[in-house]
Amino acid sequence: MNRDLSTSAATSAYAAHVAGLCRRYATAAAAGGFDAIAVGSGLLEYRFQDDQAHHFVACAHFLQWVPLGAHPGSALIFEPGRRPVLVVLQPEDYWHQPPPLPAEEFAREFELRVIRSAGELLSMLPKRRLALLGPESQWEGLGSAAQAAVLNPAVVVNHLHYHRATKSAWELDCMRRAAQRAAPGHRAALHAFREGASEYDILNAFLAGCRQTEPELPYGAIVALNAHGATLHYQHRDREPPARRDIHSLLIDAGCTVNGYASDITRSHAFRDGEFAGMVADLDRLQQQLCAAVRPGVAFPDLHRQTHLAVAGLLRSWGLVRMDPEDMLREQVTFAFLPHGLGHLLGLQVHDVGGHMADESGRALQPPPDFPRLRFLRRLEPGQVVTIEPGIYFIGSLLERLRTSPAGGQVNWERIAGLMKYGGIRIEDDVLVTTGEPENLTRPLLGD
């Protein structure tokens, strides 16, 4: 079912999105006793002792207002009861193409002001009690007036971060489109893998398929052949492929962005039929069951514990560990095979904010003692988008610890040795929490 918004519906949804942000910012300003909030996009950052800039990534607070991701030195000024002011830095420059003004569908929601130098922003800042959001470097250069304001006050930031977890209709439309953009990239990457391509060439196939450059991706794409899949965030791309007889598996974790909003998709593939292909299929079935369990009111740590028990069941059914699932969990056997959380919030940042917050004051939720490092501790609520990404890996360092533990004698180490060449399996989809059945934003697009 196509849930994309039509052009007119998207325009209306964006207007409602901005109106919702105005209400949210008014509440945050009142909570902190501020008369206005200025949100900076950030500035270009340069390499050390060099005139070459790093790729610019706009501040997420700014991007939530308006999708101007290539506009350093710009800002959004919010005062309760007034039309938000969008300040766009558009320098006169013949070395580089100045960033464009926002499209009419976005610009109509703001009072638009164009400046030619970053310093002009100072004269536009309200002279009353002001909160400044965004990178410190943008505000440091604006002199004493900006210094008298409060930079990233916790009372404001906590309020905004907590509510970022719940997406507006416009934000969800962006995330659906980000998933749609990534899907042909994944199909192209799989085709390249089947042809025996290198990690480097598989990445380029993904980029060509989704029509984005690597800096435009929401995170560094993970393209891991064979044992490289055991490194959770494997960051290298071998230029030369293994000999065809030595190609065993691919783990690709890659997403796209639309208007600053991310998709985050992982697939694992076996190069040929056999034992590992069956293991991938088993984990895929488990992952779909977990996606179906994404319901409002469910505590995400409970879903994470359910994942570990299910992974323990697979380890036993595969003949890798001779223990009951509860015993594996108690002895921390499953941690050697699944050392990361089940998932995280997704949005403007691939690991979106607010996952540890009990409420908008910023009060922290306490993680379960057995799972002290989870990224997401809240109960699921309609409008949240979470990743569901169980995995099973063969990581040498973790398996060595298991080998010397009391449970090490219950592990079939001969079988494990034969699986090390595959690296691991991870399968990840982006799932929207609704009032009823969850909506999987990604799986229907990949045809698996």
Protein backbone atom coordinates (compact mmCIF):
# COMPACT_ATOMS: atom_id res chain seq x y z
CA MET A 1 0.00 0.00 0.00
CA ASN A 2 1.42 3.40 -1.01
CA ARG A 3 1.25 5.74 1.97
CA ASP A 4 3.18 8.62 0.37
CA LEU A 5 1.60 12.03 0.73
CA SER A 6 0.49 13.82 -2.43
CA THR A 7 2.13 17.16 -3.15
CA SER A 8 -0.77 19.14 -1.68
CA ALA A 9 -1.04 16.81 1.30
CA ALA A 10 2.71 17.08 1.92
CA THR A 11 2.49 20.88 1.84
CA SER A 12 -0.36 20.79 4.33
CA ALA A 13 1.50 18.27 6.49
CA TYR A 14 4.59 20.50 6.51
CA ALA A 15 2.52 23.50 7.63
CA ALA A 16 1.07 21.37 10.44
CA HIS A 17 4.59 20.20 11.30
CA VAL A 18 5.84 23.78 11.67
CA ALA A 19 2.77 24.72 13.72
CA GLY A 20 3.51 21.79 16.02
CA LEU A 21 7.12 22.92 16.41
CA CYS A 22 5.92 26.41 17.31
CA ARG A 23 3.82 24.97 20.12
CA ARG A 24 6.67 22.77 21.29
CA TYR A 25 9.19 25.61 21.29
CA ALA A 26 6.78 27.92 23.09
CA THR A 27 6.43 25.37 25.88
CA ALA A 28 10.20 24.83 26.03
CA ALA A 29 10.87 28.58 26.13
CA ALA A 30 8.37 29.08 28.93
CA ALA A 31 9.88 26.22 30.93
CA GLY A 32 13.28 27.90 30.78
CA GLY A 33 12.07 31.47 31.20
CA PHE A 34 13.22 32.49 27.73
CA ASP A 35 11.62 35.07 25.47
CA ALA A 36 13.12 33.65 22.27
CA ILE A 37 15.10 30.72 20.92
CA ALA A 38 17.60 30.97 18.05
CA VAL A 39 18.57 27.73 16.32
CA GLY A 40 21.79 27.73 14.33
CA SER A 41 22.51 25.46 11.39
CA GLY A 42 26.21 25.37 12.28
CA LEU A 43 29.30 26.50 10.41
CA LEU A 44 31.74 24.89 8.04
CA GLU A 45 34.55 23.22 9.98
CA TYR A 46 38.01 23.10 8.42
CA ARG A 47 40.77 20.54 8.56
CA PHE A 48 43.62 21.41 10.89
CA GLN A 49 45.91 24.03 9.32
CA ASP A 50 44.18 23.57 5.98
CA ASP A 51 41.74 25.47 3.79
CA GLN A 52 39.73 22.35 2.96
CA ALA A 53 36.43 22.04 4.82
CA HIS A 54 34.88 18.90 6.23
CA HIS A 55 31.53 17.89 4.76
CA PHE A 56 28.90 20.14 6.33
CA VAL A 57 26.17 18.49 8.41
CA ALA A 58 23.46 20.84 9.63
CA CYS A 59 22.35 20.86 13.26
CA ALA A 60 19.37 18.52 13.72
CA HIS A 61 17.40 21.16 15.67
CA PHE A 62 17.64 23.42 12.61
CA LEU A 63 16.82 20.65 10.12
CA GLN A 64 13.65 19.80 12.01
CA TRP A 65 12.32 23.25 11.16
CA VAL A 66 13.39 23.38 7.53
CA PRO A 67 15.28 20.92 5.29
CA LEU A 68 18.23 23.15 4.45
CA GLY A 69 21.08 20.71 4.93
CA ALA A 70 23.68 22.63 2.89
CA HIS A 71 23.27 26.07 4.50
CA PRO A 72 26.03 26.81 7.02
CA GLY A 73 25.73 30.08 8.93
CA SER A 74 21.93 30.12 8.73
CA ALA A 75 19.47 30.21 11.64
CA LEU A 76 15.85 29.98 12.74
CA ILE A 77 14.63 32.58 15.26
CA PHE A 78 11.54 31.69 17.25
CA GLU A 79 9.58 34.08 19.46
CA PRO A 80 6.25 32.87 20.90
CA GLY A 81 3.28 34.43 19.16
CA ARG A 82 5.30 35.63 16.16
CA ARG A 83 6.01 34.14 12.76
CA PRO A 84 9.33 32.26 12.88
CA VAL A 85 12.18 34.06 11.14
CA LEU A 86 14.35 32.01 8.79
CA VAL A 87 17.75 33.62 8.24
CA VAL A 88 19.60 32.18 5.24
CA LEU A 89 23.28 32.92 4.70
CA GLN A 90 23.79 33.30 0.96
CA PRO A 91 27.25 34.82 0.50
CA GLU A 92 28.36 36.43 -2.73
CA ASP A 93 30.93 33.90 -3.88
CA TYR A 94 32.48 32.96 -7.21
CA TRP A 95 34.62 30.12 -5.82
CA HIS A 96 31.63 28.07 -4.66
CA GLN A 97 27.97 27.92 -5.62
CA PRO A 98 25.98 29.74 -2.90
CA PRO A 99 23.25 27.62 -1.31
CA PRO A 100 19.80 28.14 -2.81
CA LEU A 101 16.89 29.78 -1.07
CA PRO A 102 14.29 27.36 0.29
CA ALA A 103 11.54 26.16 -2.02
CA GLU A 104 8.25 28.02 -1.77
CA GLU A 105 6.53 25.11 0.00
CA PHE A 106 8.95 25.64 2.90
CA ALA A 107 9.60 29.38 2.69
CA ARG A 108 5.92 30.34 3.01
CA GLU A 109 5.92 29.19 6.64
CA PHE A 110 8.55 31.75 7.68
CA GLU A 111 9.59 35.36 7.51
CA LEU A 112 12.58 34.91 5.21
CA ARG A 113 15.68 37.09 5.58
CA VAL A 114 18.82 36.72 3.48
CA ILE A 115 22.24 37.73 4.79
CA ARG A 116 25.52 37.94 2.91
CA SER A 117 27.90 37.44 5.85
CA ALA A 118 27.63 35.39 9.03
CA GLY A 119 28.10 38.47 11.21
CA GLU A 120 24.82 39.99 9.98
CA LEU A 121 22.95 37.44 12.07
CA LEU A 122 23.84 39.36 15.23
CA SER A 123 21.58 42.31 14.40
CA MET A 124 18.61 39.97 13.97
CA LEU A 125 18.84 38.27 17.35
CA PRO A 126 16.19 39.38 19.86
CA LYS A 127 17.59 41.56 22.63
CA ARG A 128 15.50 39.86 25.30
CA ARG A 129 16.31 36.69 27.27
CA LEU A 130 17.55 34.38 24.53
CA ALA A 131 18.37 30.68 24.28
CA LEU A 132 20.83 29.67 21.57
CA LEU A 133 20.72 26.15 20.13
CA GLY A 134 23.31 24.53 17.94
CA PRO A 135 27.09 24.29 17.65
CA GLU A 136 28.97 26.65 19.93
CA SER A 137 31.26 27.74 17.10
CA GLN A 138 28.43 29.53 15.28
CA TRP A 139 27.52 31.65 18.27
CA GLU A 140 31.05 32.32 19.55
CA GLY A 141 31.76 34.56 16.61
CA LEU A 142 28.79 36.87 17.20
CA GLY A 143 30.24 38.95 20.01
CA SER A 144 28.99 40.10 23.39
CA ALA A 145 25.26 40.04 22.57
CA ALA A 146 25.35 36.33 21.84
CA GLN A 147 27.61 35.71 24.82
CA ALA A 148 24.93 37.18 27.09
CA ALA A 149 22.48 34.51 25.92
CA VAL A 150 22.34 30.93 27.21
CA LEU A 151 23.86 28.30 24.95
CA ASN A 152 21.99 24.99 24.65
CA PRO A 153 20.18 25.27 28.00
CA ALA A 154 19.35 21.82 29.35
CA VAL A 155 15.74 22.69 30.14
CA VAL A 156 15.09 23.53 26.48
CA VAL A 157 17.21 20.79 24.92
CA ASN A 158 15.72 18.07 27.13
CA HIS A 159 12.19 19.12 26.22
CA LEU A 160 12.98 19.07 22.51
CA HIS A 161 14.91 15.80 22.63
CA TYR A 162 12.18 13.97 24.50
CA HIS A 163 9.50 14.95 22.00
CA ARG A 164 11.70 14.28 18.93
CA ALA A 165 10.91 10.60 19.47
CA THR A 166 7.37 11.12 18.16
CA LYS A 167 7.22 12.01 14.49
CA SER A 168 4.78 14.29 12.69
CA ALA A 169 2.99 13.19 9.52
CA TRP A 170 5.46 15.21 7.46
CA GLU A 171 8.45 13.61 9.19
CA LEU A 172 7.02 10.14 8.58
CA ASP A 173 6.56 10.96 4.91
CA CYS A 174 10.24 11.92 4.71
CA MET A 175 11.23 8.66 6.40
CA ARG A 176 9.11 6.58 4.04
CA ARG A 177 10.75 8.31 1.11
CA ALA A 178 14.21 7.73 2.62
CA ALA A 179 13.39 4.02 2.75
CA GLN A 180 12.19 4.11 -0.86
CA ARG A 181 15.43 5.75 -1.91
CA ALA A 182 17.56 3.11 -0.19
CA ALA A 183 15.71 0.08 -1.56
CA PRO A 184 17.10 0.15 -5.13
CA GLY A 185 20.55 0.66 -3.65
CA HIS A 186 20.23 -2.55 -1.66
CA ARG A 187 19.03 -4.43 -4.72
CA ALA A 188 21.97 -3.13 -6.75
CA ALA A 189 24.40 -4.06 -3.97
CA LEU A 190 23.02 -7.61 -3.82
CA HIS A 191 23.40 -7.97 -7.59
CA ALA A 192 27.02 -6.79 -7.37
CA PHE A 193 27.69 -9.28 -4.56
CA ARG A 194 26.23 -12.11 -6.64
CA GLU A 195 28.60 -11.09 -9.46
CA GLY A 196 31.61 -11.41 -7.13
CA ALA A 197 32.31 -7.69 -6.64
CA SER A 198 34.61 -6.17 -4.01
CA GLU A 199 33.36 -4.24 -0.99
CA TYR A 200 34.33 -1.01 -2.76
CA ASP A 201 32.36 -1.92 -5.87
CA ILE A 202 29.36 -3.12 -3.85
CA LEU A 203 29.29 0.26 -2.10
CA ASN A 204 29.42 2.08 -5.43
CA ALA A 205 26.58 -0.09 -6.71
CA PHE A 206 24.53 0.91 -3.66
CA LEU A 207 25.27 4.61 -4.21
CA ALA A 208 24.36 4.41 -7.89
CA GLY A 209 21.14 2.58 -7.06
CA CYS A 210 19.95 5.11 -4.51
CA ARG A 211 21.31 8.19 -6.36
CA GLN A 212 23.06 9.65 -3.33
CA THR A 213 26.71 10.49 -2.74
CA GLU A 214 28.49 8.94 0.21
CA PRO A 215 28.53 12.18 2.27
CA GLU A 216 24.75 12.45 1.81
CA LEU A 217 24.15 9.11 3.54
CA PRO A 218 22.94 9.30 7.16
CA TYR A 219 25.91 7.20 8.33
CA GLY A 220 28.92 5.49 6.86
CA ALA A 221 27.63 2.50 4.94
CA ILE A 222 28.85 -0.85 6.27
CA VAL A 223 29.77 -3.22 3.44
CA ALA A 224 31.36 -6.31 4.93
CA LEU A 225 32.31 -9.45 3.06
CA ASN A 226 32.96 -12.71 4.87
CA ALA A 227 34.62 -12.41 8.31
CA HIS A 228 34.47 -8.61 8.12
CA GLY A 229 30.81 -8.97 9.13
CA ALA A 230 32.00 -9.77 12.65
CA THR A 231 33.04 -6.12 13.07
CA LEU A 232 29.78 -4.42 13.96
CA HIS A 233 30.61 -1.06 12.37
CA TYR A 234 33.15 -2.27 9.82
CA GLN A 235 34.44 0.86 8.09
CA HIS A 236 36.89 -0.26 5.38
CA ARG A 237 36.15 -1.16 1.77
CA ASP A 238 38.56 -3.62 0.18
CA ARG A 239 39.21 -2.66 -3.44
CA GLU A 240 39.89 -6.21 -4.57
CA PRO A 241 37.34 -9.02 -4.18
CA PRO A 242 38.22 -12.42 -2.77
CA ALA A 243 38.56 -15.26 -5.25
CA ARG A 244 35.08 -16.47 -6.13
CA ARG A 245 35.59 -19.73 -4.24
CA ASP A 246 36.44 -17.68 -1.14
CA ILE A 247 33.31 -15.48 -1.18
CA HIS A 248 30.96 -16.62 1.57
CA SER A 249 28.73 -13.81 2.81
CA LEU A 250 27.78 -10.14 2.70
CA LEU A 251 26.51 -7.94 5.51
CA ILE A 252 25.39 -4.54 4.23
CA ASP A 253 24.06 -1.87 6.60
CA ALA A 254 23.18 1.23 4.59
CA GLY A 255 20.46 3.86 4.44
CA CYS A 256 19.56 7.13 2.75
CA THR A 257 18.25 10.56 3.70
CA VAL A 258 15.34 12.68 2.53
CA ASN A 259 15.07 16.21 3.92
CA GLY A 260 17.51 15.22 6.65
CA TYR A 261 15.53 12.15 7.80
CA ALA A 262 17.20 8.75 7.72
CA SER A 263 16.48 5.21 6.76
CA ASP A 264 18.62 2.45 8.30
CA ILE A 265 18.51 -0.97 6.64
CA THR A 266 20.66 -4.06 7.08
CA ARG A 267 20.61 -7.26 5.10
CA SER A 268 22.80 -10.37 5.29
CA HIS A 269 23.29 -12.66 2.31
CA ALA A 270 24.91 -16.05 1.77
CA PHE A 271 26.88 -16.43 -1.45
CA ARG A 272 25.70 -20.00 -1.95
CA ASP A 273 23.11 -22.37 -0.56
CA GLY A 274 23.99 -24.39 2.51
CA GLU A 275 24.19 -24.19 6.28
CA PHE A 276 24.80 -20.44 6.53
CA ALA A 277 21.96 -19.62 4.13
CA GLY A 278 19.65 -21.57 6.42
CA MET A 279 20.90 -19.63 9.43
CA VAL A 280 20.20 -16.34 7.66
CA ALA A 281 16.67 -17.53 6.90
CA ASP A 282 16.14 -18.53 10.55
CA LEU A 283 17.25 -15.14 11.86
CA ASP A 284 15.12 -13.43 9.23
CA ARG A 285 12.03 -15.23 10.53
CA LEU A 286 12.91 -14.21 14.08
CA GLN A 287 13.40 -10.60 12.99
CA GLN A 288 9.95 -10.50 11.41
CA GLN A 289 8.41 -11.84 14.62
CA LEU A 290 10.14 -9.08 16.57
CA CYS A 291 8.91 -6.44 14.11
CA ALA A 292 5.35 -7.70 14.65
CA ALA A 293 5.82 -7.26 18.42
CA VAL A 294 6.39 -3.50 18.08
CA ARG A 295 3.21 -2.37 19.82
CA PRO A 296 2.33 0.68 21.93
CA GLY A 297 3.00 0.20 25.62
CA VAL A 298 5.73 -2.41 25.17
CA ALA A 299 8.89 -1.60 27.13
CA PHE A 300 11.73 -1.82 24.62
CA PRO A 301 14.13 -3.47 27.10
CA ASP A 302 11.57 -6.28 27.46
CA LEU A 303 11.67 -6.77 23.69
CA HIS A 304 15.46 -6.83 23.87
CA ARG A 305 15.34 -9.59 26.50
CA GLN A 306 12.88 -11.53 24.34
CA THR A 307 15.41 -11.22 21.51
CA HIS A 308 18.20 -12.74 23.59
CA LEU A 309 16.00 -15.67 24.56
CA ALA A 310 15.07 -16.25 20.92
CA VAL A 311 18.72 -16.02 19.84
CA ALA A 312 19.54 -18.57 22.53
CA GLY A 313 16.93 -20.84 21.01
CA LEU A 314 18.59 -20.55 17.62
CA LEU A 315 22.03 -21.26 19.06
CA ARG A 316 20.66 -24.43 20.61
CA SER A 317 18.72 -25.51 17.51
CA TRP A 318 21.82 -25.01 15.36
CA GLY A 319 23.82 -27.23 17.70
CA LEU A 320 26.21 -24.45 18.71
CA VAL A 321 25.40 -24.32 22.44
CA ARG A 322 24.05 -27.16 24.59
CA MET A 323 22.12 -25.13 27.17
CA ASP A 324 18.56 -24.02 27.87
CA PRO A 325 17.82 -20.46 26.66
CA GLU A 326 17.24 -19.09 30.18
CA ASP A 327 20.53 -20.61 31.33
CA MET A 328 22.33 -19.06 28.36
CA LEU A 329 20.95 -15.68 29.30
CA ARG A 330 21.84 -16.08 32.96
CA GLU A 331 25.39 -17.17 32.09
CA GLN A 332 25.66 -14.33 29.51
CA VAL A 333 26.38 -16.78 26.71
CA THR A 334 24.16 -14.91 24.25
CA PHE A 335 26.16 -11.70 24.77
CA ALA A 336 29.11 -13.34 23.02
CA PHE A 337 26.95 -13.75 19.90
CA LEU A 338 24.76 -10.62 20.19
CA PRO A 339 26.71 -7.77 21.85
CA HIS A 340 24.46 -4.87 20.78
CA GLY A 341 20.93 -3.72 21.45
CA LEU A 342 17.87 -4.74 19.48
CA GLY A 343 17.42 -1.26 18.04
CA HIS A 344 17.14 2.47 18.54
CA LEU A 345 15.04 5.49 17.71
CA LEU A 346 15.42 6.75 14.15
CA GLY A 347 14.82 10.19 12.67
CA LEU A 348 16.99 13.22 12.01
CA GLN A 349 19.89 11.29 13.49
CA VAL A 350 20.42 7.63 12.79
CA HIS A 351 20.66 7.04 16.55
CA ASP A 352 18.01 9.60 17.35
CA VAL A 353 17.83 11.38 20.67
CA GLY A 354 15.57 10.93 23.68
CA GLY A 355 15.84 7.18 24.08
CA HIS A 356 17.02 7.33 27.69
CA MET A 357 14.56 9.98 28.89
CA ALA A 358 11.70 9.29 31.28
CA ASP A 359 10.05 12.65 30.57
CA GLU A 360 10.64 16.06 29.01
CA SER A 361 12.57 17.28 32.06
CA GLY A 362 15.42 14.99 31.03
CA ARG A 363 15.10 12.61 33.96
CA ALA A 364 17.00 9.50 32.97
CA LEU A 365 15.55 6.02 32.81
CA GLN A 366 17.64 3.34 34.47
CA PRO A 367 18.71 0.46 32.22
CA PRO A 368 18.11 -3.14 33.32
CA PRO A 369 21.14 -4.55 35.16
CA ASP A 370 21.52 -7.28 32.54
CA PHE A 371 21.50 -4.77 29.66
CA PRO A 372 23.29 -1.63 30.89
CA ARG A 373 24.13 -0.10 27.48
CA LEU A 374 20.87 -0.08 25.54
CA ARG A 375 20.22 2.97 23.35
CA PHE A 376 16.45 2.91 23.89
CA LEU A 377 14.80 2.39 27.29
CA ARG A 378 11.34 3.90 26.85
CA ARG A 379 8.00 2.29 26.25
CA LEU A 380 6.86 2.28 22.66
CA GLU A 381 4.40 5.01 21.67
CA PRO A 382 2.50 5.69 18.44
CA GLY A 383 4.52 7.91 16.12
CA GLN A 384 7.91 6.53 17.12
CA VAL A 385 10.10 4.87 14.51
CA VAL A 386 12.50 2.24 15.80
CA THR A 387 14.98 -0.08 14.17
CA ILE A 388 14.63 -3.80 14.79
CA GLU A 389 18.02 -5.38 14.14
CA PRO A 390 18.79 -8.70 15.83
CA GLY A 391 22.11 -10.27 14.97
CA ILE A 392 24.27 -13.29 15.56
CA TYR A 393 28.03 -12.85 15.09
CA PHE A 394 31.20 -14.87 15.35
CA ILE A 395 33.55 -12.35 16.99
CA GLY A 396 36.90 -13.82 17.96
CA SER A 397 37.57 -11.73 21.06
CA LEU A 398 34.11 -12.33 22.56
CA LEU A 399 34.19 -16.03 21.78
CA GLU A 400 37.57 -16.37 23.50
CA ARG A 401 36.06 -14.91 26.67
CA LEU A 402 33.20 -17.38 26.38
CA ARG A 403 35.63 -20.26 25.87
CA THR A 404 37.29 -19.57 29.23
CA SER A 405 34.01 -19.00 31.09
CA PRO A 406 32.16 -21.70 33.07
CA ALA A 407 29.74 -22.10 30.14
CA GLY A 408 32.55 -22.61 27.63
CA GLY A 409 32.33 -26.36 27.92
CA GLN A 410 28.76 -26.28 26.57
CA VAL A 411 29.80 -24.73 23.25
CA ASN A 412 30.49 -26.76 20.12
CA TRP A 413 33.78 -25.09 19.26
CA GLU A 414 34.38 -27.22 16.19
CA ARG A 415 31.14 -25.95 14.66
CA ILE A 416 31.97 -22.39 15.67
CA ALA A 417 35.37 -22.63 13.96
CA GLY A 418 33.67 -23.56 10.72
CA LEU A 419 31.40 -20.50 10.90
CA MET A 420 34.04 -17.84 11.59
CA LYS A 421 34.54 -17.20 7.86
CA TYR A 422 30.97 -15.86 7.59
CA GLY A 423 31.47 -13.07 10.13
CA GLY A 424 27.89 -12.72 11.23
CA ILE A 425 24.27 -12.01 10.42
CA ARG A 426 22.27 -8.84 11.03
CA ILE A 427 18.84 -8.04 9.62
CA GLU A 428 17.34 -4.61 10.22
CA ASP A 429 14.12 -2.83 9.32
CA ASP A 430 12.61 0.52 10.29
CA VAL A 431 9.29 0.06 12.06
CA LEU A 432 6.64 2.67 12.87
CA VAL A 433 4.69 2.25 16.09
CA THR A 434 0.97 2.80 15.46
CA THR A 435 -2.12 2.37 17.62
CA GLY A 436 -2.42 -1.19 16.30
CA GLU A 437 -0.44 -3.21 13.76
CA PRO A 438 3.08 -1.82 13.29
CA GLU A 439 4.07 -0.46 9.89
CA ASN A 440 7.33 -1.80 8.51
CA LEU A 441 8.69 1.10 6.47
CA THR A 442 11.44 -0.88 4.76
CA ARG A 443 10.77 -4.61 4.26
CA PRO A 444 7.96 -4.30 1.68
CA LEU A 445 10.30 -2.24 -0.50
CA LEU A 446 13.07 -4.83 -0.62
CA GLY A 447 10.91 -7.71 -1.77
CA ASP A 448 12.16 -10.17 0.84
